[in-house]
Amino acid sequence: MTATRVIWLRLTLLGVLGGVMASLVVLCFRAAIALGQTLLSSSGESEGYGGLDPWLRLLLPVVGGFLLGLVFDRLRAEHRDVGVVHVLRHLHTPGKERLPAANLLTQIGGGITAILTGHSVDTEGPSIHIGAASAGRIGQGMRISAEEDYTLTACGAAAAIAAAFNTPLAGVVFVIEVLRVHYEVSRFLPIVVASVVGALIHRLLPEVGPTLSVPALELNNHWELPNLLLLGLVIGVLAIGFISLCEAVAMRTRTWSNRRSFTLAGLVTGVLALWAPQIMGTSYGTLDQLLTDEAGLGIGLVLAITGAKLLATGTAVGLRVPGGLIGPTLLIGGAAGSACGLLFGMLAPAATASPAFYATVGMAAMMGASLRAPLAALLALLELTGNPNIILPGMLAVAAADITNQLAIGRESVFETLFHNR
């Protein structure tokens, strides 16, 4: 066997091991959050923050933020760096050592605490860090090269996305578009394998935490195509506002202590949750309702959820709360899409697709425009729905949202914006 084949085989086996390690740790992380939310909920259901008394909805994120900030302020500065931005810095800093174990523990503890206490963040950002760092642990004690460590990190990130959403192809494309891992055949074979392993583990193990139930929806007629362009325009403006809010808050609070930052983030979320408790925590239960039209949410409520989630998450991300923002962008886009669908239905009720259809497309458009990852968003849309008929309308809305972003002020992705700011 030639040296090249040996290297390929070694990398592929590392990809398998990295995918297994990342998926199992990520699913355990999600299971811990799901269990905690169920115990916290008065109804015994995950994400049952709406059943809490108003005073508790206000105080829970404030107290949680203050206590979490106290812990973070006692950590060494280099051990506070977590999330997708931390993974980006590792991947694009020459000579950087593997992702530190201390930061991995910080992310696990910080992510669980922030989400359980109702902060408007999600599990996906922490999962990417946890998956990438867990896969990198395999190389500890092994004489692996810098290239192999780089590949293992990307494998863990891809497996984390695949295990979280059961979207193996979107997991691979995510590391290209969002983490900016350059494509090479020798590098991407292990990444593909790791992503497949993550999706298989998701399917073999019992569900942990909320998963999205996206029905096979279709466009009613081609006269609705202008509606999709308008939806993309609206989502593009929301994406610009979301990225700008994250950046503005981050720039103005760089020197703040963590207890001050996290407490303020909790206060913003708590106040907004008095009117829209759906924004607390991961909010996947609310997104699931929007995508299936189960609850029949009115236009006033979905507009309130859109605005409140954008403000709460933008503030939390800018204030460095150790949670993710991918899930919130899905909810913001889904709620905005549902509102547009309800509005279009009022104007032409007989010829308009359901609000759930527009919520599904809006979810992908907001993810694509905020993360500057249109292909990953479209592939996630295809894999979640299993419906190729939604690709054309999805492409229209995703492209319109991204073009709006570019033509208006040309915003970078939210992760790149935070990366440069920090």
Protein backbone atom coordinates (compact mmCIF):
# COMPACT_ATOMS: atom_id res chain seq x y z
CA MET A 1 0.00 0.00 0.00
CA THR A 2 1.41 3.38 -1.00
CA ALA A 3 2.08 6.15 1.50
CA THR A 4 -0.74 8.24 0.00
CA ARG A 5 -3.26 5.44 0.50
CA VAL A 6 -2.11 4.93 4.07
CA ILE A 7 -2.64 8.63 4.80
CA TRP A 8 -6.12 8.54 3.23
CA LEU A 9 -7.06 5.45 5.23
CA ARG A 10 -5.75 6.98 8.45
CA LEU A 11 -7.67 10.21 7.87
CA THR A 12 -10.87 8.32 7.03
CA LEU A 13 -10.63 6.20 10.17
CA LEU A 14 -9.98 9.35 12.19
CA GLY A 15 -13.10 10.81 10.58
CA VAL A 16 -15.17 7.82 11.69
CA LEU A 17 -13.84 8.03 15.24
CA GLY A 18 -14.28 11.81 15.28
CA GLY A 19 -17.87 11.50 14.08
CA VAL A 20 -18.72 8.94 16.75
CA MET A 21 -17.09 10.93 19.54
CA ALA A 22 -18.60 14.27 18.49
CA SER A 23 -22.10 12.86 17.98
CA LEU A 24 -22.27 11.05 21.30
CA VAL A 25 -21.00 14.01 23.34
CA VAL A 26 -23.32 16.43 21.50
CA LEU A 27 -26.36 14.19 21.98
CA CYS A 28 -25.54 13.84 25.70
CA PHE A 29 -25.31 17.63 25.92
CA ARG A 30 -28.72 18.01 24.25
CA ALA A 31 -30.21 15.27 26.45
CA ALA A 32 -29.05 17.08 29.60
CA ILE A 33 -30.75 20.28 28.44
CA ALA A 34 -33.96 18.47 27.46
CA LEU A 35 -34.10 16.76 30.87
CA GLY A 36 -33.46 20.01 32.69
CA GLN A 37 -36.18 21.83 30.75
CA THR A 38 -38.66 19.04 31.47
CA LEU A 39 -37.90 19.16 35.20
CA LEU A 40 -38.17 22.95 35.19
CA SER A 41 -41.48 23.03 33.35
CA SER A 42 -44.62 23.04 35.47
CA SER A 43 -46.38 21.01 32.77
CA GLY A 44 -43.64 18.38 32.62
CA GLU A 45 -42.93 19.23 28.99
CA SER A 46 -39.71 20.45 27.40
CA GLU A 47 -39.58 24.21 26.76
CA GLY A 48 -42.60 24.88 28.96
CA TYR A 49 -41.52 28.40 29.97
CA GLY A 50 -44.96 29.77 29.09
CA GLY A 51 -46.39 27.86 32.06
CA LEU A 52 -44.15 29.69 34.53
CA ASP A 53 -45.45 32.64 36.55
CA PRO A 54 -44.59 36.01 34.97
CA TRP A 55 -42.29 36.99 37.85
CA LEU A 56 -40.38 33.73 37.40
CA ARG A 57 -40.05 34.28 33.65
CA LEU A 58 -38.50 37.66 34.46
CA LEU A 59 -36.19 36.56 37.26
CA LEU A 60 -35.00 33.19 35.93
CA PRO A 61 -32.75 34.55 33.12
CA VAL A 62 -31.60 37.49 35.27
CA VAL A 63 -30.51 35.32 38.20
CA GLY A 64 -29.10 32.67 35.87
CA GLY A 65 -27.12 35.30 33.98
CA PHE A 66 -25.74 36.84 37.15
CA LEU A 67 -24.60 33.50 38.60
CA LEU A 68 -23.14 32.37 35.28
CA GLY A 69 -21.32 35.70 34.98
CA LEU A 70 -19.79 35.27 38.43
CA VAL A 71 -18.36 31.92 37.36
CA PHE A 72 -17.07 33.26 34.03
CA ASP A 73 -15.39 36.22 35.72
CA ARG A 74 -13.37 33.78 37.84
CA LEU A 75 -12.12 31.87 34.80
CA ARG A 76 -8.89 32.73 33.05
CA ALA A 77 -9.57 34.95 30.04
CA GLU A 78 -8.38 32.37 27.51
CA HIS A 79 -10.77 29.78 28.93
CA ARG A 80 -13.89 31.92 28.37
CA ASP A 81 -13.70 31.73 24.58
CA VAL A 82 -16.47 29.41 23.32
CA GLY A 83 -18.82 28.78 20.43
CA VAL A 84 -18.50 28.89 16.66
CA VAL A 85 -16.28 31.98 16.81
CA HIS A 86 -13.82 30.03 18.97
CA VAL A 87 -13.76 27.21 16.39
CA LEU A 88 -13.26 29.73 13.58
CA ARG A 89 -10.30 31.26 15.40
CA HIS A 90 -8.75 27.84 15.90
CA LEU A 91 -9.16 26.83 12.27
CA HIS A 92 -7.77 30.06 10.85
CA THR A 93 -4.87 30.77 13.22
CA PRO A 94 -1.65 29.19 11.91
CA GLY A 95 0.14 27.02 14.45
CA LYS A 96 -2.82 27.00 16.84
CA GLU A 97 -2.93 23.96 19.12
CA ARG A 98 -6.01 21.73 19.29
CA LEU A 99 -9.16 23.14 20.90
CA PRO A 100 -8.47 23.27 24.67
CA ALA A 101 -10.31 20.93 27.02
CA ALA A 102 -10.90 23.80 29.48
CA ASN A 103 -12.89 25.74 26.90
CA LEU A 104 -14.87 22.60 26.07
CA LEU A 105 -15.91 22.26 29.72
CA THR A 106 -16.72 25.97 29.85
CA GLN A 107 -18.95 25.58 26.80
CA ILE A 108 -20.79 22.55 28.17
CA GLY A 109 -21.46 24.08 31.57
CA GLY A 110 -22.13 27.56 30.25
CA GLY A 111 -24.41 26.38 27.45
CA ILE A 112 -26.52 24.18 29.72
CA THR A 113 -26.90 26.94 32.32
CA ALA A 114 -27.73 29.69 29.82
CA ILE A 115 -30.36 27.64 28.00
CA LEU A 116 -31.99 26.17 31.10
CA THR A 117 -32.34 29.61 32.68
CA GLY A 118 -34.23 30.82 29.62
CA HIS A 119 -31.67 32.92 27.75
CA SER A 120 -32.62 33.32 24.10
CA VAL A 121 -29.87 31.09 22.70
CA ASP A 122 -29.73 27.57 21.31
CA THR A 123 -27.83 24.29 21.49
CA GLU A 124 -26.42 24.34 17.95
CA GLY A 125 -23.59 26.86 18.40
CA PRO A 126 -22.35 25.10 21.55
CA SER A 127 -22.83 21.73 19.80
CA ILE A 128 -20.47 22.76 16.99
CA HIS A 129 -17.80 23.74 19.51
CA ILE A 130 -18.42 20.61 21.59
CA GLY A 131 -18.35 18.36 18.53
CA ALA A 132 -15.19 19.93 17.10
CA ALA A 133 -13.36 19.84 20.44
CA SER A 134 -14.51 16.31 21.26
CA ALA A 135 -13.30 15.01 17.90
CA GLY A 136 -9.99 16.80 18.47
CA ARG A 137 -9.56 14.91 21.74
CA ILE A 138 -8.99 11.75 19.71
CA GLY A 139 -5.69 13.18 18.57
CA GLN A 140 -4.52 13.65 22.15
CA GLY A 141 -1.70 11.21 22.79
CA MET A 142 -1.44 10.41 19.08
CA ARG A 143 1.24 11.85 16.87
CA ILE A 144 -1.09 13.59 14.46
CA SER A 145 -0.07 16.39 12.12
CA ALA A 146 -1.49 19.90 12.06
CA GLU A 147 -3.47 18.95 8.92
CA GLU A 148 -4.99 15.93 10.68
CA ASP A 149 -5.95 18.05 13.68
CA TYR A 150 -7.54 20.60 11.33
CA THR A 151 -9.48 17.83 9.59
CA LEU A 152 -10.61 16.27 12.87
CA THR A 153 -11.93 19.64 14.04
CA ALA A 154 -13.95 20.04 10.84
CA CYS A 155 -15.16 16.42 11.15
CA GLY A 156 -16.48 17.10 14.64
CA ALA A 157 -18.32 20.24 13.53
CA ALA A 158 -19.95 18.45 10.58
CA ALA A 159 -20.96 15.49 12.74
CA ALA A 160 -22.47 17.86 15.33
CA ILE A 161 -24.74 19.49 12.73
CA ALA A 162 -25.69 16.11 11.25
CA ALA A 163 -26.45 14.61 14.67
CA ALA A 164 -28.49 17.63 15.77
CA PHE A 165 -30.73 17.96 12.70
CA ASN A 166 -30.28 14.63 10.86
CA THR A 167 -28.90 16.61 7.90
CA PRO A 168 -25.60 14.98 6.84
CA LEU A 169 -25.18 16.88 3.57
CA ALA A 170 -25.90 20.25 5.19
CA GLY A 171 -23.33 19.37 7.86
CA VAL A 172 -20.63 18.97 5.22
CA VAL A 173 -21.55 22.19 3.40
CA PHE A 174 -21.74 24.06 6.72
CA VAL A 175 -18.02 23.59 7.33
CA ILE A 176 -17.31 25.00 3.85
CA GLU A 177 -19.57 28.05 3.97
CA VAL A 178 -19.59 28.98 7.65
CA LEU A 179 -16.29 27.63 9.00
CA ARG A 180 -14.55 28.41 5.68
CA VAL A 181 -12.74 25.08 5.48
CA HIS A 182 -11.17 24.91 2.00
CA TYR A 183 -12.25 22.00 -0.13
CA GLU A 184 -9.73 19.24 -0.77
CA VAL A 185 -10.68 15.68 -1.69
CA SER A 186 -8.32 14.11 0.87
CA ARG A 187 -9.72 16.37 3.59
CA PHE A 188 -13.40 16.11 2.75
CA LEU A 189 -13.69 12.35 2.55
CA PRO A 190 -13.22 12.11 6.36
CA ILE A 191 -15.61 15.04 6.84
CA VAL A 192 -18.29 13.33 4.73
CA VAL A 193 -17.79 10.09 6.66
CA ALA A 194 -18.02 11.90 10.01
CA SER A 195 -21.22 13.66 8.95
CA VAL A 196 -22.78 10.37 7.85
CA VAL A 197 -21.81 8.80 11.18
CA GLY A 198 -23.46 11.72 13.01
CA ALA A 199 -26.71 11.28 11.07
CA LEU A 200 -26.69 7.50 11.63
CA ILE A 201 -26.23 7.93 15.37
CA HIS A 202 -29.10 10.45 15.38
CA ARG A 203 -31.33 7.82 13.73
CA LEU A 204 -30.23 4.88 15.86
CA LEU A 205 -30.48 6.52 19.27
CA PRO A 206 -33.70 7.75 20.91
CA GLU A 207 -34.55 11.39 20.25
CA VAL A 208 -32.94 13.79 22.70
CA GLY A 209 -34.50 17.22 22.80
CA PRO A 210 -36.90 18.77 20.33
CA THR A 211 -36.57 17.96 16.66
CA LEU A 212 -38.21 19.80 13.80
CA SER A 213 -41.24 18.20 12.13
CA VAL A 214 -41.39 19.75 8.69
CA PRO A 215 -44.30 18.55 6.50
CA ALA A 216 -44.06 18.06 2.73
CA LEU A 217 -45.49 21.41 1.67
CA GLU A 218 -45.78 22.79 -1.85
CA LEU A 219 -46.38 26.09 -3.61
CA ASN A 220 -50.03 26.34 -4.69
CA ASN A 221 -49.34 28.11 -7.98
CA HIS A 222 -46.62 30.06 -9.76
CA TRP A 223 -48.45 33.34 -9.19
CA GLU A 224 -47.03 33.17 -5.67
CA LEU A 225 -43.44 33.56 -6.85
CA PRO A 226 -43.54 37.36 -6.31
CA ASN A 227 -44.65 36.62 -2.74
CA LEU A 228 -41.46 34.64 -2.24
CA LEU A 229 -39.34 37.47 -3.56
CA LEU A 230 -41.07 39.83 -1.15
CA LEU A 231 -40.52 37.36 1.67
CA GLY A 232 -36.82 37.22 0.79
CA LEU A 233 -36.64 41.02 0.88
CA VAL A 234 -38.24 41.10 4.34
CA ILE A 235 -35.94 38.36 5.63
CA GLY A 236 -32.89 40.15 4.18
CA VAL A 237 -33.77 43.29 6.11
CA LEU A 238 -34.26 41.25 9.29
CA ALA A 239 -30.87 39.57 8.78
CA ILE A 240 -29.18 42.96 8.39
CA GLY A 241 -30.87 44.18 11.56
CA PHE A 242 -29.90 41.06 13.48
CA ILE A 243 -26.22 41.14 12.47
CA SER A 244 -26.02 44.90 13.10
CA LEU A 245 -27.56 44.52 16.55
CA CYS A 246 -25.09 41.75 17.49
CA GLU A 247 -22.18 43.90 16.32
CA ALA A 248 -23.38 47.11 17.98
CA VAL A 249 -23.92 45.44 21.34
CA ALA A 250 -20.61 43.58 21.14
CA MET A 251 -18.64 46.74 20.32
CA ARG A 252 -20.14 48.77 23.13
CA THR A 253 -19.73 46.13 25.83
CA ARG A 254 -16.26 44.74 25.13
CA THR A 255 -14.87 45.87 28.48
CA TRP A 256 -17.86 44.85 30.58
CA SER A 257 -17.56 42.12 33.19
CA ASN A 258 -19.37 38.90 32.39
CA ARG A 259 -21.73 39.19 35.33
CA ARG A 260 -22.82 42.62 34.09
CA SER A 261 -23.19 41.42 30.50
CA PHE A 262 -25.02 38.17 31.24
CA THR A 263 -27.33 39.83 33.78
CA LEU A 264 -28.33 42.51 31.27
CA ALA A 265 -28.94 39.85 28.61
CA GLY A 266 -31.16 38.01 31.08
CA LEU A 267 -33.06 41.19 31.93
CA VAL A 268 -33.77 41.93 28.25
CA THR A 269 -34.99 38.38 27.68
CA GLY A 270 -37.03 38.34 30.88
CA VAL A 271 -38.83 41.60 30.11
CA LEU A 272 -39.64 40.52 26.55
CA ALA A 273 -40.76 37.10 27.80
CA LEU A 274 -43.49 38.74 29.86
CA TRP A 275 -45.31 39.26 26.54
CA ALA A 276 -43.75 36.49 24.44
CA PRO A 277 -42.59 33.55 26.62
CA GLN A 278 -42.00 31.56 23.40
CA ILE A 279 -38.62 33.30 23.00
CA MET A 280 -37.11 31.69 26.10
CA GLY A 281 -34.59 28.91 25.64
CA THR A 282 -34.16 27.09 22.36
CA SER A 283 -37.75 27.80 21.17
CA TYR A 284 -37.84 24.73 18.93
CA GLY A 285 -41.30 23.83 20.23
CA THR A 286 -42.64 27.16 18.94
CA LEU A 287 -40.86 26.71 15.62
CA ASP A 288 -42.39 23.26 15.29
CA GLN A 289 -45.85 24.81 15.75
CA LEU A 290 -45.14 27.36 13.05
CA LEU A 291 -43.97 24.70 10.61
CA THR A 292 -47.02 22.49 11.13
CA ASP A 293 -49.75 25.12 11.74
CA GLU A 294 -50.73 23.13 14.83
CA ALA A 295 -51.45 26.07 17.10
CA GLY A 296 -53.01 28.45 14.58
CA LEU A 297 -50.93 31.36 15.89
CA GLY A 298 -52.31 34.76 14.87
CA ILE A 299 -50.41 37.39 12.95
CA GLY A 300 -50.03 39.61 16.02
CA LEU A 301 -48.37 36.87 18.03
CA VAL A 302 -45.98 35.75 15.28
CA LEU A 303 -44.92 39.36 14.72
CA ALA A 304 -44.30 39.74 18.45
CA ILE A 305 -42.24 36.52 18.47
CA THR A 306 -40.22 37.75 15.47
CA GLY A 307 -39.31 41.07 17.03
CA ALA A 308 -38.80 39.79 20.57
CA LYS A 309 -36.61 36.86 19.50
CA LEU A 310 -34.47 39.11 17.30
CA LEU A 311 -33.93 41.64 20.10
CA ALA A 312 -33.34 39.06 22.83
CA THR A 313 -30.94 36.90 20.80
CA GLY A 314 -29.06 39.84 19.25
CA THR A 315 -28.50 41.26 22.73
CA ALA A 316 -27.49 37.89 24.23
CA VAL A 317 -25.03 37.14 21.42
CA GLY A 318 -23.52 40.61 21.58
CA LEU A 319 -23.15 40.28 25.35
CA ARG A 320 -21.23 36.98 24.93
CA VAL A 321 -23.79 34.63 26.52
CA PRO A 322 -22.35 31.12 25.89
CA GLY A 323 -25.13 29.86 23.64
CA GLY A 324 -25.81 29.60 19.93
CA LEU A 325 -27.71 31.66 17.39
CA ILE A 326 -28.52 29.23 14.57
CA GLY A 327 -31.77 28.07 16.18
CA PRO A 328 -32.93 31.64 16.90
CA THR A 329 -32.35 32.61 13.25
CA LEU A 330 -34.56 29.68 12.26
CA LEU A 331 -37.32 30.87 14.60
CA ILE A 332 -37.02 34.51 13.49
CA GLY A 333 -37.25 33.48 9.84
CA GLY A 334 -40.01 30.98 10.51
CA ALA A 335 -42.10 33.50 12.44
CA ALA A 336 -41.54 36.23 9.85
CA GLY A 337 -42.44 33.77 7.07
CA SER A 338 -45.58 32.71 8.91
CA ALA A 339 -46.61 36.37 9.31
CA CYS A 340 -46.09 36.96 5.58
CA GLY A 341 -48.07 33.82 4.80
CA LEU A 342 -50.95 34.97 6.99
CA LEU A 343 -50.88 38.38 5.30
CA PHE A 344 -50.82 36.87 1.80
CA GLY A 345 -53.71 34.60 2.81
CA MET A 346 -55.77 37.61 3.85
CA LEU A 347 -55.18 39.24 0.45
CA ALA A 348 -55.80 36.14 -1.68
CA PRO A 349 -57.13 33.31 0.53
CA ALA A 350 -58.11 30.93 -2.28
CA ALA A 351 -54.78 30.89 -4.11
CA THR A 352 -52.17 31.09 -1.34
CA ALA A 353 -50.06 28.37 0.22
CA SER A 354 -50.35 27.82 3.95
CA PRO A 355 -48.51 29.97 6.49
CA ALA A 356 -46.50 26.83 7.36
CA PHE A 357 -45.11 26.79 3.82
CA TYR A 358 -43.91 30.39 4.11
CA ALA A 359 -42.58 29.68 7.61
CA THR A 360 -40.52 26.79 6.24
CA VAL A 361 -39.05 28.89 3.42
CA GLY A 362 -38.52 31.88 5.72
CA MET A 363 -36.59 29.70 8.17
CA ALA A 364 -34.09 28.73 5.46
CA ALA A 365 -33.85 32.28 4.09
CA MET A 366 -33.02 33.77 7.50
CA MET A 367 -30.41 31.11 8.20
CA GLY A 368 -28.82 31.63 4.77
CA ALA A 369 -28.73 35.43 5.01
CA SER A 370 -27.52 35.64 8.62
CA LEU A 371 -24.85 32.97 8.32
CA ARG A 372 -24.05 33.84 4.67
CA ALA A 373 -24.53 30.15 3.96
CA PRO A 374 -27.22 29.93 1.26
CA LEU A 375 -26.27 26.47 0.04
CA ALA A 376 -26.19 24.97 3.55
CA ALA A 377 -29.60 26.54 4.23
CA LEU A 378 -31.09 25.11 1.02
CA LEU A 379 -29.66 21.65 1.66
CA ALA A 380 -30.97 21.71 5.23
CA LEU A 381 -34.37 22.69 3.82
CA LEU A 382 -34.26 19.75 1.39
CA GLU A 383 -33.10 17.24 4.01
CA LEU A 384 -35.59 18.39 6.65
CA THR A 385 -38.59 18.29 4.31
CA GLY A 386 -37.56 15.43 2.01
CA ASN A 387 -39.43 17.40 -0.63
CA PRO A 388 -37.63 18.50 -3.81
CA ASN A 389 -40.63 20.64 -4.80
CA ILE A 390 -39.70 23.17 -2.13
CA ILE A 391 -36.24 23.82 -3.58
CA LEU A 392 -37.30 26.30 -6.29
CA PRO A 393 -39.32 28.54 -3.93
CA GLY A 394 -36.60 28.11 -1.33
CA MET A 395 -33.91 29.23 -3.79
CA LEU A 396 -35.92 32.33 -4.70
CA ALA A 397 -36.38 33.40 -1.09
CA VAL A 398 -32.83 32.53 0.02
CA ALA A 399 -31.29 34.33 -2.99
CA ALA A 400 -33.52 37.39 -2.49
CA ALA A 401 -32.58 37.60 1.20
CA ASP A 402 -28.85 37.28 0.50
CA ILE A 403 -28.97 39.80 -2.38
CA THR A 404 -30.85 42.26 -0.14
CA ASN A 405 -28.10 41.92 2.44
CA GLN A 406 -25.36 42.46 -0.14
CA LEU A 407 -26.96 45.37 -2.00
CA ALA A 408 -28.00 47.18 1.16
CA ILE A 409 -24.82 47.28 3.25
CA GLY A 410 -22.92 44.11 2.34
CA ARG A 411 -22.89 42.58 5.82
CA GLU A 412 -20.58 39.68 6.56
CA SER A 413 -21.99 36.63 8.30
CA VAL A 414 -22.83 37.14 11.94
CA PHE A 415 -20.00 34.77 12.94
CA GLU A 416 -17.39 36.64 10.88
CA THR A 417 -18.64 39.95 12.30
CA LEU A 418 -18.20 38.66 15.86
CA PHE A 419 -14.87 37.07 14.95
CA HIS A 420 -13.43 40.41 13.76
CA ASN A 421 -14.99 42.28 16.68
CA ARG A 422 -13.47 40.00 19.33
